[in-house]
């Protein structure tokens, strides 16, 4: 599965919905049903911990450098500033039939469900 359409794109918004997260990269949109962890040189941050939302929102305006999506393992985005977002894709770590959705922003591209 490929989410590389966000590589080189700036994160333009972070939307916290009741039980999921949407990351908008100026067109491509990644929806995650499992809260990602945020890793930076100062430490890591998980949902519910102090500063989690601030650290995640601080990535707005930063460009995605590399991405990977390994089915059954993890989705990872590394930003140019070295911050990494990682969301588990292991079945036991999320509820529901899917872990997330990805739209490239191109109406001709299919919706990626993982």
PDB file of N, CA and C in Angstrom:
ATOM      1  N   UNK A   1       0.839  -1.173   0.000  1.00  0.00           N
ATOM      2  CA  UNK A   1       0.000   0.000   0.000  1.00  0.00           C
ATOM      3  C   UNK A   1       0.887   1.240   0.000  1.00  0.00           C
ATOM      4  N   UNK A   2       0.417   2.275  -0.640  1.00  0.00           N
ATOM      5  CA  UNK A   2       1.255   3.436  -0.894  1.00  0.00           C
ATOM      6  C   UNK A   2       0.608   4.717  -0.378  1.00  0.00           C
ATOM      7  N   UNK A   3       1.298   5.405   0.517  1.00  0.00           N
ATOM      8  CA  UNK A   3       0.856   6.721   0.986  1.00  0.00           C
ATOM      9  C   UNK A   3       1.896   7.788   0.638  1.00  0.00           C
ATOM     10  N   UNK A   4       2.752   7.468  -0.328  1.00  0.00           N
ATOM     11  CA  UNK A   4       3.859   8.372  -0.670  1.00  0.00           C
ATOM     12  C   UNK A   4       3.397   9.694  -1.272  1.00  0.00           C
ATOM     13  N   UNK A   5       2.119   9.846  -1.602  1.00  0.00           N
ATOM     14  CA  UNK A   5       1.622  11.118  -2.137  1.00  0.00           C
ATOM     15  C   UNK A   5       1.807  12.260  -1.149  1.00  0.00           C
ATOM     16  N   UNK A   6       2.001  11.951   0.131  1.00  0.00           N
ATOM     17  CA  UNK A   6       2.205  13.030   1.102  1.00  0.00           C
ATOM     18  C   UNK A   6       3.674  13.443   1.225  1.00  0.00           C
ATOM     19  N   UNK A   7       4.575  12.670   0.639  1.00  0.00           N
ATOM     20  CA  UNK A   7       5.993  13.022   0.714  1.00  0.00           C
ATOM     21  C   UNK A   7       6.229  14.347  -0.007  1.00  0.00           C
ATOM     22  N   UNK A   8       6.894  15.248   0.685  1.00  0.00           N
ATOM     23  CA  UNK A   8       7.138  16.584   0.142  1.00  0.00           C
ATOM     24  C   UNK A   8       6.009  17.556   0.400  1.00  0.00           C
ATOM     25  N   UNK A   9       4.901  17.092   0.940  1.00  0.00           N
ATOM     26  CA  UNK A   9       3.748  17.941   1.226  1.00  0.00           C
ATOM     27  C   UNK A   9       3.790  18.446   2.663  1.00  0.00           C
ATOM     28  N   UNK A  10       3.347  19.685   2.860  1.00  0.00           N
ATOM     29  CA  UNK A  10       3.243  20.240   4.204  1.00  0.00           C
ATOM     30  C   UNK A  10       1.979  19.750   4.887  1.00  0.00           C
ATOM     31  N   UNK A  11       2.090  19.474   6.162  1.00  0.00           N
ATOM     32  CA  UNK A  11       0.909  19.177   6.973  1.00  0.00           C
ATOM     33  C   UNK A  11       0.176  20.493   7.168  1.00  0.00           C
ATOM     34  N   UNK A  12      -1.055  20.572   6.666  1.00  0.00           N
ATOM     35  CA  UNK A  12      -1.777  21.841   6.729  1.00  0.00           C
ATOM     36  C   UNK A  12      -2.789  21.891   7.861  1.00  0.00           C
ATOM     37  N   UNK A  13      -3.250  20.727   8.326  1.00  0.00           N
ATOM     38  CA  UNK A  13      -4.169  20.744   9.466  1.00  0.00           C
ATOM     39  C   UNK A  13      -4.157  19.394  10.176  1.00  0.00           C
ATOM     40  N   UNK A  14      -4.459  19.487  11.467  1.00  0.00           N
ATOM     41  CA  UNK A  14      -4.623  18.310  12.322  1.00  0.00           C
ATOM     42  C   UNK A  14      -6.022  18.441  12.916  1.00  0.00           C
ATOM     43  N   UNK A  15      -6.874  17.458  12.649  1.00  0.00           N
ATOM     44  CA  UNK A  15      -8.246  17.524  13.137  1.00  0.00           C
ATOM     45  C   UNK A  15      -8.496  16.378  14.098  1.00  0.00           C
ATOM     46  N   UNK A  16      -8.815  16.734  15.349  1.00  0.00           N
ATOM     47  CA  UNK A  16      -9.157  15.747  16.357  1.00  0.00           C
ATOM     48  C   UNK A  16     -10.664  15.560  16.333  1.00  0.00           C
ATOM     49  N   UNK A  17     -11.101  14.368  15.971  1.00  0.00           N
ATOM     50  CA  UNK A  17     -12.514  14.030  15.982  1.00  0.00           C
ATOM     51  C   UNK A  17     -12.706  13.140  17.208  1.00  0.00           C
ATOM     52  N   UNK A  18     -13.912  12.917  17.606  1.00  0.00           N
ATOM     53  CA  UNK A  18     -14.185  12.213  18.856  1.00  0.00           C
ATOM     54  C   UNK A  18     -13.269  11.019  19.113  1.00  0.00           C
ATOM     55  N   UNK A  19     -13.139  10.127  18.148  1.00  0.00           N
ATOM     56  CA  UNK A  19     -12.332   8.931  18.386  1.00  0.00           C
ATOM     57  C   UNK A  19     -11.385   8.613  17.232  1.00  0.00           C
ATOM     58  N   UNK A  20     -11.024   9.631  16.461  1.00  0.00           N
ATOM     59  CA  UNK A  20     -10.034   9.438  15.403  1.00  0.00           C
ATOM     60  C   UNK A  20      -9.377  10.764  15.050  1.00  0.00           C
ATOM     61  N   UNK A  21      -8.385  10.677  14.181  1.00  0.00           N
ATOM     62  CA  UNK A  21      -7.553  11.826  13.829  1.00  0.00           C
ATOM     63  C   UNK A  21      -7.481  11.954  12.315  1.00  0.00           C
ATOM     64  N   UNK A  22      -7.534  13.191  11.810  1.00  0.00           N
ATOM     65  CA  UNK A  22      -7.334  13.442  10.386  1.00  0.00           C
ATOM     66  C   UNK A  22      -6.143  14.376  10.209  1.00  0.00           C
ATOM     67  N   UNK A  23      -5.271  13.991   9.296  1.00  0.00           N
ATOM     68  CA  UNK A  23      -4.100  14.794   8.953  1.00  0.00           C
ATOM     69  C   UNK A  23      -4.232  15.199   7.493  1.00  0.00           C
ATOM     70  N   UNK A  24      -4.266  16.496   7.240  1.00  0.00           N
ATOM     71  CA  UNK A  24      -4.436  17.020   5.887  1.00  0.00           C
ATOM     72  C   UNK A  24      -3.097  17.563   5.400  1.00  0.00           C
ATOM     73  N   UNK A  25      -2.670  17.089   4.244  1.00  0.00           N
ATOM     74  CA  UNK A  25      -1.405  17.508   3.643  1.00  0.00           C
ATOM     75  C   UNK A  25      -1.666  18.297   2.367  1.00  0.00           C
ATOM     76  N   UNK A  26      -2.426  19.387   2.470  1.00  0.00           N
ATOM     77  CA  UNK A  26      -2.747  20.235   1.312  1.00  0.00           C
ATOM     78  C   UNK A  26      -3.328  19.432   0.160  1.00  0.00           C
ATOM     79  N   UNK A  27      -4.259  18.591   0.442  1.00  0.00           N
ATOM     80  CA  UNK A  27      -4.909  17.757  -0.580  1.00  0.00           C
ATOM     81  C   UNK A  27      -5.021  16.330  -0.107  1.00  0.00           C
ATOM     82  N   UNK A  28      -3.901  15.608  -0.029  1.00  0.00           N
ATOM     83  CA  UNK A  28      -3.968  14.256   0.528  1.00  0.00           C
ATOM     84  C   UNK A  28      -4.408  14.294   2.002  1.00  0.00           C
ATOM     85  N   UNK A  29      -5.318  13.390   2.356  1.00  0.00           N
ATOM     86  CA  UNK A  29      -5.836  13.330   3.729  1.00  0.00           C
ATOM     87  C   UNK A  29      -5.671  11.921   4.270  1.00  0.00           C
ATOM     88  N   UNK A  30      -5.082  11.843   5.457  1.00  0.00           N
ATOM     89  CA  UNK A  30      -4.880  10.578   6.146  1.00  0.00           C
ATOM     90  C   UNK A  30      -5.770  10.572   7.381  1.00  0.00           C
ATOM     91  N   UNK A  31      -6.637   9.573   7.484  1.00  0.00           N
ATOM     92  CA  UNK A  31      -7.504   9.402   8.646  1.00  0.00           C
ATOM     93  C   UNK A  31      -7.013   8.191   9.414  1.00  0.00           C
ATOM     94  N   UNK A  32      -6.763   8.369  10.706  1.00  0.00           N
ATOM     95  CA  UNK A  32      -6.263   7.281  11.541  1.00  0.00           C
ATOM     96  C   UNK A  32      -7.263   6.992  12.655  1.00  0.00           C
ATOM     97  N   UNK A  33      -7.618   5.724  12.811  1.00  0.00           N
ATOM     98  CA  UNK A  33      -8.538   5.302  13.863  1.00  0.00           C
ATOM     99  C   UNK A  33      -7.797   4.790  15.090  1.00  0.00           C
ATOM    100  N   UNK A  34      -6.484   4.898  15.065  1.00  0.00           N
ATOM    101  CA  UNK A  34      -5.634   4.571  16.215  1.00  0.00           C
ATOM    102  C   UNK A  34      -4.695   5.755  16.382  1.00  0.00           C
ATOM    103  N   UNK A  35      -4.671   6.347  17.570  1.00  0.00           N
ATOM    104  CA  UNK A  35      -3.868   7.554  17.792  1.00  0.00           C
ATOM    105  C   UNK A  35      -2.393   7.260  17.587  1.00  0.00           C
ATOM    106  N   UNK A  36      -1.730   8.021  16.729  1.00  0.00           N
ATOM    107  CA  UNK A  36      -0.304   7.786  16.495  1.00  0.00           C
ATOM    108  C   UNK A  36       0.541   8.287  17.664  1.00  0.00           C
ATOM    109  N   UNK A  37       1.702   7.695  17.814  1.00  0.00           N
ATOM    110  CA  UNK A  37       2.690   8.209  18.760  1.00  0.00           C
ATOM    111  C   UNK A  37       3.533   9.232  18.004  1.00  0.00           C
ATOM    112  N   UNK A  38       4.064  10.200  18.738  1.00  0.00           N
ATOM    113  CA  UNK A  38       4.915  11.231  18.157  1.00  0.00           C
ATOM    114  C   UNK A  38       6.292  11.099  18.800  1.00  0.00           C
ATOM    115  N   UNK A  39       7.307  10.975  17.957  1.00  0.00           N
ATOM    116  CA  UNK A  39       8.678  10.830  18.443  1.00  0.00           C
ATOM    117  C   UNK A  39       9.495  12.024  17.984  1.00  0.00           C
ATOM    118  N   UNK A  40      10.193  12.635  18.931  1.00  0.00           N
ATOM    119  CA  UNK A  40      11.140  13.694  18.604  1.00  0.00           C
ATOM    120  C   UNK A  40      12.334  13.547  19.541  1.00  0.00           C
ATOM    121  N   UNK A  41      13.376  14.314  19.320  1.00  0.00           N
ATOM    122  CA  UNK A  41      14.612  14.107  20.080  1.00  0.00           C
ATOM    123  C   UNK A  41      14.396  14.234  21.588  1.00  0.00           C
ATOM    124  N   UNK A  42      13.437  15.046  22.008  1.00  0.00           N
ATOM    125  CA  UNK A  42      13.178  15.249  23.438  1.00  0.00           C
ATOM    126  C   UNK A  42      12.447  14.081  24.075  1.00  0.00           C
ATOM    127  N   UNK A  43      11.864  13.190  23.271  1.00  0.00           N
ATOM    128  CA  UNK A  43      11.119  12.055  23.815  1.00  0.00           C
ATOM    129  C   UNK A  43       9.948  11.691  22.934  1.00  0.00           C
ATOM    130  N   UNK A  44       9.113  10.788  23.441  1.00  0.00           N
ATOM    131  CA  UNK A  44       7.938  10.356  22.686  1.00  0.00           C
ATOM    132  C   UNK A  44       6.673  10.756  23.436  1.00  0.00           C
ATOM    133  N   UNK A  45       5.599  10.891  22.675  1.00  0.00           N
ATOM    134  CA  UNK A  45       4.327  11.344  23.220  1.00  0.00           C
ATOM    135  C   UNK A  45       3.218  10.450  22.680  1.00  0.00           C
ATOM    136  N   UNK A  46       2.349   9.993  23.574  1.00  0.00           N
ATOM    137  CA  UNK A  46       1.217   9.157  23.199  1.00  0.00           C
ATOM    138  C   UNK A  46      -0.068   9.888  23.578  1.00  0.00           C
ATOM    139  N   UNK A  47      -1.140   9.521  22.915  1.00  0.00           N
ATOM    140  CA  UNK A  47      -2.442  10.142  23.170  1.00  0.00           C
ATOM    141  C   UNK A  47      -2.777  10.058  24.661  1.00  0.00           C
ATOM    142  N   UNK A  48      -3.246  11.177  25.208  1.00  0.00           N
ATOM    143  CA  UNK A  48      -3.618  11.238  26.614  1.00  0.00           C
ATOM    144  C   UNK A  48      -2.511  11.760  27.508  1.00  0.00           C
ATOM    145  N   UNK A  49      -1.290  11.815  26.999  1.00  0.00           N
ATOM    146  CA  UNK A  49      -0.179  12.332  27.787  1.00  0.00           C
ATOM    147  C   UNK A  49      -0.111  13.856  27.640  1.00  0.00           C
ATOM    148  N   UNK A  50       0.437  14.520  28.702  1.00  0.00           N
ATOM    149  CA  UNK A  50       0.595  15.975  28.596  1.00  0.00           C
ATOM    150  C   UNK A  50       1.399  16.340  27.348  1.00  0.00           C
ATOM    151  N   UNK A  51       1.001  17.372  26.694  1.00  0.00           N
ATOM    152  CA  UNK A  51       1.670  17.945  25.529  1.00  0.00           C
ATOM    153  C   UNK A  51       1.447  17.169  24.228  1.00  0.00           C
ATOM    154  N   UNK A  52       0.749  16.042  24.251  1.00  0.00           N
ATOM    155  CA  UNK A  52       0.555  15.260  23.026  1.00  0.00           C
ATOM    156  C   UNK A  52      -0.033  16.119  21.907  1.00  0.00           C
ATOM    157  N   UNK A  53      -1.132  16.771  22.189  1.00  0.00           N
ATOM    158  CA  UNK A  53      -1.786  17.572  21.155  1.00  0.00           C
ATOM    159  C   UNK A  53      -0.895  18.722  20.684  1.00  0.00           C
ATOM    160  N   UNK A  54      -0.203  19.364  21.617  1.00  0.00           N
ATOM    161  CA  UNK A  54       0.677  20.474  21.245  1.00  0.00           C
ATOM    162  C   UNK A  54       1.807  20.005  20.330  1.00  0.00           C
ATOM    163  N   UNK A  55       2.414  18.868  20.677  1.00  0.00           N
ATOM    164  CA  UNK A  55       3.526  18.341  19.879  1.00  0.00           C
ATOM    165  C   UNK A  55       3.036  17.936  18.494  1.00  0.00           C
ATOM    166  N   UNK A  56       1.872  17.322  18.432  1.00  0.00           N
ATOM    167  CA  UNK A  56       1.306  16.918  17.139  1.00  0.00           C
ATOM    168  C   UNK A  56       0.952  18.143  16.297  1.00  0.00           C
ATOM    169  N   UNK A  57       0.292  19.112  16.896  1.00  0.00           N
ATOM    170  CA  UNK A  57      -0.090  20.317  16.156  1.00  0.00           C
ATOM    171  C   UNK A  57       1.112  21.167  15.759  1.00  0.00           C
ATOM    172  N   UNK A  58       2.218  21.048  16.480  1.00  0.00           N
ATOM    173  CA  UNK A  58       3.431  21.787  16.133  1.00  0.00           C
ATOM    174  C   UNK A  58       3.981  21.351  14.782  1.00  0.00           C
ATOM    175  N   UNK A  59       3.515  20.220  14.260  1.00  0.00           N
ATOM    176  CA  UNK A  59       3.965  19.745  12.953  1.00  0.00           C
ATOM    177  C   UNK A  59       3.261  20.447  11.795  1.00  0.00           C
ATOM    178  N   UNK A  60       2.205  21.198  12.108  1.00  0.00           N
ATOM    179  CA  UNK A  60       1.518  21.949  11.051  1.00  0.00           C
ATOM    180  C   UNK A  60       2.525  22.902  10.409  1.00  0.00           C
ATOM    181  N   UNK A  61       2.612  22.849   9.094  1.00  0.00           N
ATOM    182  CA  UNK A  61       3.571  23.656   8.343  1.00  0.00           C
ATOM    183  C   UNK A  61       4.858  22.914   8.028  1.00  0.00           C
ATOM    184  N   UNK A  62       5.051  21.751   8.627  1.00  0.00           N
ATOM    185  CA  UNK A  62       6.237  20.926   8.354  1.00  0.00           C
ATOM    186  C   UNK A  62       5.948  19.985   7.190  1.00  0.00           C
ATOM    187  N   UNK A  63       6.957  19.686   6.401  1.00  0.00           N
ATOM    188  CA  UNK A  63       6.796  18.800   5.243  1.00  0.00           C
ATOM    189  C   UNK A  63       7.131  17.360   5.603  1.00  0.00           C
ATOM    190  N   UNK A  64       6.341  16.446   5.045  1.00  0.00           N
ATOM    191  CA  UNK A  64       6.620  15.020   5.209  1.00  0.00           C
ATOM    192  C   UNK A  64       7.821  14.666   4.341  1.00  0.00           C
ATOM    193  N   UNK A  65       8.784  14.001   4.920  1.00  0.00           N
ATOM    194  CA  UNK A  65       9.995  13.627   4.200  1.00  0.00           C
ATOM    195  C   UNK A  65       9.860  12.214   3.629  1.00  0.00           C
ATOM    196  N   UNK A  66       9.576  11.250   4.496  1.00  0.00           N
ATOM    197  CA  UNK A  66       9.413   9.864   4.063  1.00  0.00           C
ATOM    198  C   UNK A  66       8.182   9.262   4.719  1.00  0.00           C
ATOM    199  N   UNK A  67       7.631   8.257   4.041  1.00  0.00           N
ATOM    200  CA  UNK A  67       6.465   7.550   4.565  1.00  0.00           C
ATOM    201  C   UNK A  67       6.649   6.052   4.378  1.00  0.00           C
ATOM    202  N   UNK A  68       5.989   5.296   5.239  1.00  0.00           N
ATOM    203  CA  UNK A  68       5.925   3.854   5.021  1.00  0.00           C
ATOM    204  C   UNK A  68       4.633   3.338   5.630  1.00  0.00           C
ATOM    205  N   UNK A  69       4.085   2.342   4.994  1.00  0.00           N
ATOM    206  CA  UNK A  69       2.883   1.690   5.476  1.00  0.00           C
ATOM    207  C   UNK A  69       3.101   0.193   5.271  1.00  0.00           C
ATOM    208  N   UNK A  70       3.281  -0.519   6.360  1.00  0.00           N
ATOM    209  CA  UNK A  70       3.497  -1.959   6.305  1.00  0.00           C
ATOM    210  C   UNK A  70       2.261  -2.621   6.891  1.00  0.00           C
ATOM    211  N   UNK A  71       1.468  -3.261   6.038  1.00  0.00           N
ATOM    212  CA  UNK A  71       0.231  -3.894   6.458  1.00  0.00           C
ATOM    213  C   UNK A  71       0.473  -4.821   7.644  1.00  0.00           C
ATOM    214  N   UNK A  72      -0.363  -4.674   8.662  1.00  0.00           N
ATOM    215  CA  UNK A  72      -0.267  -5.520   9.838  1.00  0.00           C
ATOM    216  C   UNK A  72       0.810  -5.110  10.819  1.00  0.00           C
ATOM    217  N   UNK A  73       1.569  -4.061  10.502  1.00  0.00           N
ATOM    218  CA  UNK A  73       2.652  -3.642  11.396  1.00  0.00           C
ATOM    219  C   UNK A  73       2.512  -2.172  11.817  1.00  0.00           C
ATOM    220  N   UNK A  74       2.807  -1.246  10.917  1.00  0.00           N
ATOM    221  CA  UNK A  74       2.757   0.168  11.305  1.00  0.00           C
ATOM    222  C   UNK A  74       2.729   1.086  10.096  1.00  0.00           C
ATOM    223  N   UNK A  75       2.238   2.281  10.333  1.00  0.00           N
ATOM    224  CA  UNK A  75       2.297   3.390   9.389  1.00  0.00           C
ATOM    225  C   UNK A  75       3.231   4.407  10.018  1.00  0.00           C
ATOM    226  N   UNK A  76       4.147   4.954   9.220  1.00  0.00           N
ATOM    227  CA  UNK A  76       5.110   5.902   9.770  1.00  0.00           C
ATOM    228  C   UNK A  76       5.321   7.054   8.798  1.00  0.00           C
ATOM    229  N   UNK A  77       5.358   8.258   9.357  1.00  0.00           N
ATOM    230  CA  UNK A  77       5.656   9.469   8.595  1.00  0.00           C
ATOM    231  C   UNK A  77       6.814  10.166   9.298  1.00  0.00           C
ATOM    232  N   UNK A  78       7.875  10.419   8.565  1.00  0.00           N
ATOM    233  CA  UNK A  78       8.980  11.200   9.120  1.00  0.00           C
ATOM    234  C   UNK A  78       8.981  12.555   8.438  1.00  0.00           C
ATOM    235  N   UNK A  79       8.988  13.596   9.244  1.00  0.00           N
ATOM    236  CA  UNK A  79       8.986  14.952   8.733  1.00  0.00           C
ATOM    237  C   UNK A  79      10.419  15.445   8.544  1.00  0.00           C
ATOM    238  N   UNK A  80      10.574  16.494   7.749  1.00  0.00           N
ATOM    239  CA  UNK A  80      11.895  17.045   7.467  1.00  0.00           C
ATOM    240  C   UNK A  80      12.629  17.486   8.728  1.00  0.00           C
ATOM    241  N   UNK A  81      11.899  17.856   9.770  1.00  0.00           N
ATOM    242  CA  UNK A  81      12.539  18.295  11.013  1.00  0.00           C
ATOM    243  C   UNK A  81      12.912  17.118  11.920  1.00  0.00           C
ATOM    244  N   UNK A  82      12.720  15.884  11.448  1.00  0.00           N
ATOM    245  CA  UNK A  82      13.111  14.698  12.201  1.00  0.00           C
ATOM    246  C   UNK A  82      12.033  14.101  13.078  1.00  0.00           C
ATOM    247  N   UNK A  83      10.914  14.776  13.234  1.00  0.00           N
ATOM    248  CA  UNK A  83       9.803  14.244  14.032  1.00  0.00           C
ATOM    249  C   UNK A  83       9.158  13.090  13.275  1.00  0.00           C
ATOM    250  N   UNK A  84       8.802  12.042  14.015  1.00  0.00           N
ATOM    251  CA  UNK A  84       8.192  10.848  13.419  1.00  0.00           C
ATOM    252  C   UNK A  84       6.824  10.621  14.045  1.00  0.00           C
ATOM    253  N   UNK A  85       5.825  10.375  13.193  1.00  0.00           N
ATOM    254  CA  UNK A  85       4.509   9.924  13.634  1.00  0.00           C
ATOM    255  C   UNK A  85       4.422   8.447  13.295  1.00  0.00           C
ATOM    256  N   UNK A  86       4.042   7.636  14.274  1.00  0.00           N
ATOM    257  CA  UNK A  86       3.926   6.201  14.036  1.00  0.00           C
ATOM    258  C   UNK A  86       2.609   5.705  14.618  1.00  0.00           C
ATOM    259  N   UNK A  87       1.841   5.003  13.783  1.00  0.00           N
ATOM    260  CA  UNK A  87       0.573   4.426  14.211  1.00  0.00           C
ATOM    261  C   UNK A  87       0.613   2.923  13.986  1.00  0.00           C
ATOM    262  N   UNK A  88       0.281   2.192  15.015  1.00  0.00           N
ATOM    263  CA  UNK A  88       0.272   0.737  14.908  1.00  0.00           C
ATOM    264  C   UNK A  88      -0.836   0.280  13.966  1.00  0.00           C
ATOM    265  N   UNK A  89      -0.546  -0.732  13.178  1.00  0.00           N
ATOM    266  CA  UNK A  89      -1.544  -1.359  12.307  1.00  0.00           C
ATOM    267  C   UNK A  89      -1.772  -2.813  12.723  1.00  0.00           C
ATOM    268  N   UNK A  90      -1.316  -3.145  13.919  1.00  0.00           N
ATOM    269  CA  UNK A  90      -1.532  -4.504  14.413  1.00  0.00           C
ATOM    270  C   UNK A  90      -2.997  -4.653  14.816  1.00  0.00           C
ATOM    271  N   UNK A  91      -3.610  -5.741  14.428  1.00  0.00           N
ATOM    272  CA  UNK A  91      -5.033  -5.966  14.698  1.00  0.00           C
ATOM    273  C   UNK A  91      -5.398  -5.739  16.160  1.00  0.00           C
ATOM    274  N   UNK A  92      -4.549  -6.169  17.067  1.00  0.00           N
ATOM    275  CA  UNK A  92      -4.863  -6.068  18.490  1.00  0.00           C
ATOM    276  C   UNK A  92      -4.796  -4.637  19.026  1.00  0.00           C
ATOM    277  N   UNK A  93      -4.298  -3.691  18.243  1.00  0.00           N
ATOM    278  CA  UNK A  93      -4.154  -2.321  18.716  1.00  0.00           C
ATOM    279  C   UNK A  93      -5.274  -1.377  18.284  1.00  0.00           C
ATOM    280  N   UNK A  94      -6.204  -1.847  17.510  1.00  0.00           N
ATOM    281  CA  UNK A  94      -7.314  -0.977  17.129  1.00  0.00           C
ATOM    282  C   UNK A  94      -8.620  -1.753  17.079  1.00  0.00           C
ATOM    283  N   UNK A  95      -9.699  -1.010  17.268  1.00  0.00           N
ATOM    284  CA  UNK A  95     -11.031  -1.599  17.208  1.00  0.00           C
ATOM    285  C   UNK A  95     -11.639  -1.271  15.854  1.00  0.00           C
ATOM    286  N   UNK A  96     -12.491  -2.141  15.379  1.00  0.00           N
ATOM    287  CA  UNK A  96     -13.145  -1.885  14.109  1.00  0.00           C
ATOM    288  C   UNK A  96     -12.489  -2.616  12.963  1.00  0.00           C
ATOM    289  N   UNK A  97     -13.093  -2.532  11.803  1.00  0.00           N
ATOM    290  CA  UNK A  97     -12.609  -3.292  10.650  1.00  0.00           C
ATOM    291  C   UNK A  97     -11.384  -2.709   9.961  1.00  0.00           C
ATOM    292  N   UNK A  98     -11.064  -1.429  10.202  1.00  0.00           N
ATOM    293  CA  UNK A  98      -9.887  -0.858   9.556  1.00  0.00           C
ATOM    294  C   UNK A  98      -9.155   0.066  10.519  1.00  0.00           C
ATOM    295  N   UNK A  99      -7.879   0.314  10.192  1.00  0.00           N
ATOM    296  CA  UNK A  99      -7.035   1.191  11.010  1.00  0.00           C
ATOM    297  C   UNK A  99      -7.053   2.620  10.483  1.00  0.00           C
ATOM    298  N   UNK A 100      -7.378   2.777   9.195  1.00  0.00           N
ATOM    299  CA  UNK A 100      -7.384   4.121   8.639  1.00  0.00           C
ATOM    300  C   UNK A 100      -7.775   4.161   7.185  1.00  0.00           C
ATOM    301  N   UNK A 101      -7.794   5.385   6.668  1.00  0.00           N
ATOM    302  CA  UNK A 101      -8.144   5.660   5.274  1.00  0.00           C
ATOM    303  C   UNK A 101      -7.140   6.665   4.726  1.00  0.00           C
ATOM    304  N   UNK A 102      -6.904   6.604   3.420  1.00  0.00           N
ATOM    305  CA  UNK A 102      -6.037   7.579   2.777  1.00  0.00           C
ATOM    306  C   UNK A 102      -6.624   7.987   1.444  1.00  0.00           C
ATOM    307  N   UNK A 103      -6.717   9.310   1.255  1.00  0.00           N
ATOM    308  CA  UNK A 103      -7.158   9.889  -0.020  1.00  0.00           C
ATOM    309  C   UNK A 103      -6.017  10.749  -0.548  1.00  0.00           C
ATOM    310  N   UNK A 104      -5.668  10.557  -1.797  1.00  0.00           N
ATOM    311  CA  UNK A 104      -4.563  11.326  -2.375  1.00  0.00           C
ATOM    312  C   UNK A 104      -4.958  12.761  -2.694  1.00  0.00           C
ATOM    313  N   UNK A 105      -6.244  13.011  -2.841  1.00  0.00           N
ATOM    314  CA  UNK A 105      -6.713  14.328  -3.263  1.00  0.00           C
ATOM    315  C   UNK A 105      -7.056  14.352  -4.740  1.00  0.00           C
ATOM    316  N   UNK A 106      -6.623  13.342  -5.479  1.00  0.00           N
ATOM    317  CA  UNK A 106      -6.955  13.214  -6.896  1.00  0.00           C
ATOM    318  C   UNK A 106      -8.258  12.422  -7.008  1.00  0.00           C
ATOM    319  N   UNK A 107      -9.308  13.022  -7.605  1.00  0.00           N
ATOM    320  CA  UNK A 107     -10.600  12.320  -7.664  1.00  0.00           C
ATOM    321  C   UNK A 107     -10.544  11.014  -8.477  1.00  0.00           C
ATOM    322  N   UNK A 108      -9.495  10.828  -9.276  1.00  0.00           N
ATOM    323  CA  UNK A 108      -9.367   9.593 -10.070  1.00  0.00           C
ATOM    324  C   UNK A 108      -8.699   8.467  -9.295  1.00  0.00           C
ATOM    325  N   UNK A 109      -8.103   8.776  -8.145  1.00  0.00           N
ATOM    326  CA  UNK A 109      -7.431   7.756  -7.343  1.00  0.00           C
ATOM    327  C   UNK A 109      -8.423   7.102  -6.385  1.00  0.00           C
ATOM    328  N   UNK A 110      -8.294   5.797  -6.185  1.00  0.00           N
ATOM    329  CA  UNK A 110      -9.201   5.120  -5.261  1.00  0.00           C
ATOM    330  C   UNK A 110      -8.880   5.463  -3.806  1.00  0.00           C
ATOM    331  N   UNK A 111      -9.863   5.300  -2.954  1.00  0.00           N
ATOM    332  CA  UNK A 111      -9.683   5.434  -1.525  1.00  0.00           C
ATOM    333  C   UNK A 111      -8.895   4.227  -1.030  1.00  0.00           C
ATOM    334  N   UNK A 112      -7.836   4.469  -0.274  1.00  0.00           N
ATOM    335  CA  UNK A 112      -7.039   3.392   0.283  1.00  0.00           C
ATOM    336  C   UNK A 112      -7.520   3.127   1.700  1.00  0.00           C
ATOM    337  N   UNK A 113      -7.959   1.892   1.952  1.00  0.00           N
ATOM    338  CA  UNK A 113      -8.421   1.478   3.267  1.00  0.00           C
ATOM    339  C   UNK A 113      -7.430   0.482   3.792  1.00  0.00           C
ATOM    340  N   UNK A 114      -6.945   0.685   5.014  1.00  0.00           N
ATOM    341  CA  UNK A 114      -5.967  -0.242   5.581  1.00  0.00           C
ATOM    342  C   UNK A 114      -6.325  -0.577   6.997  1.00  0.00           C
TER     343      UNK A 114
END
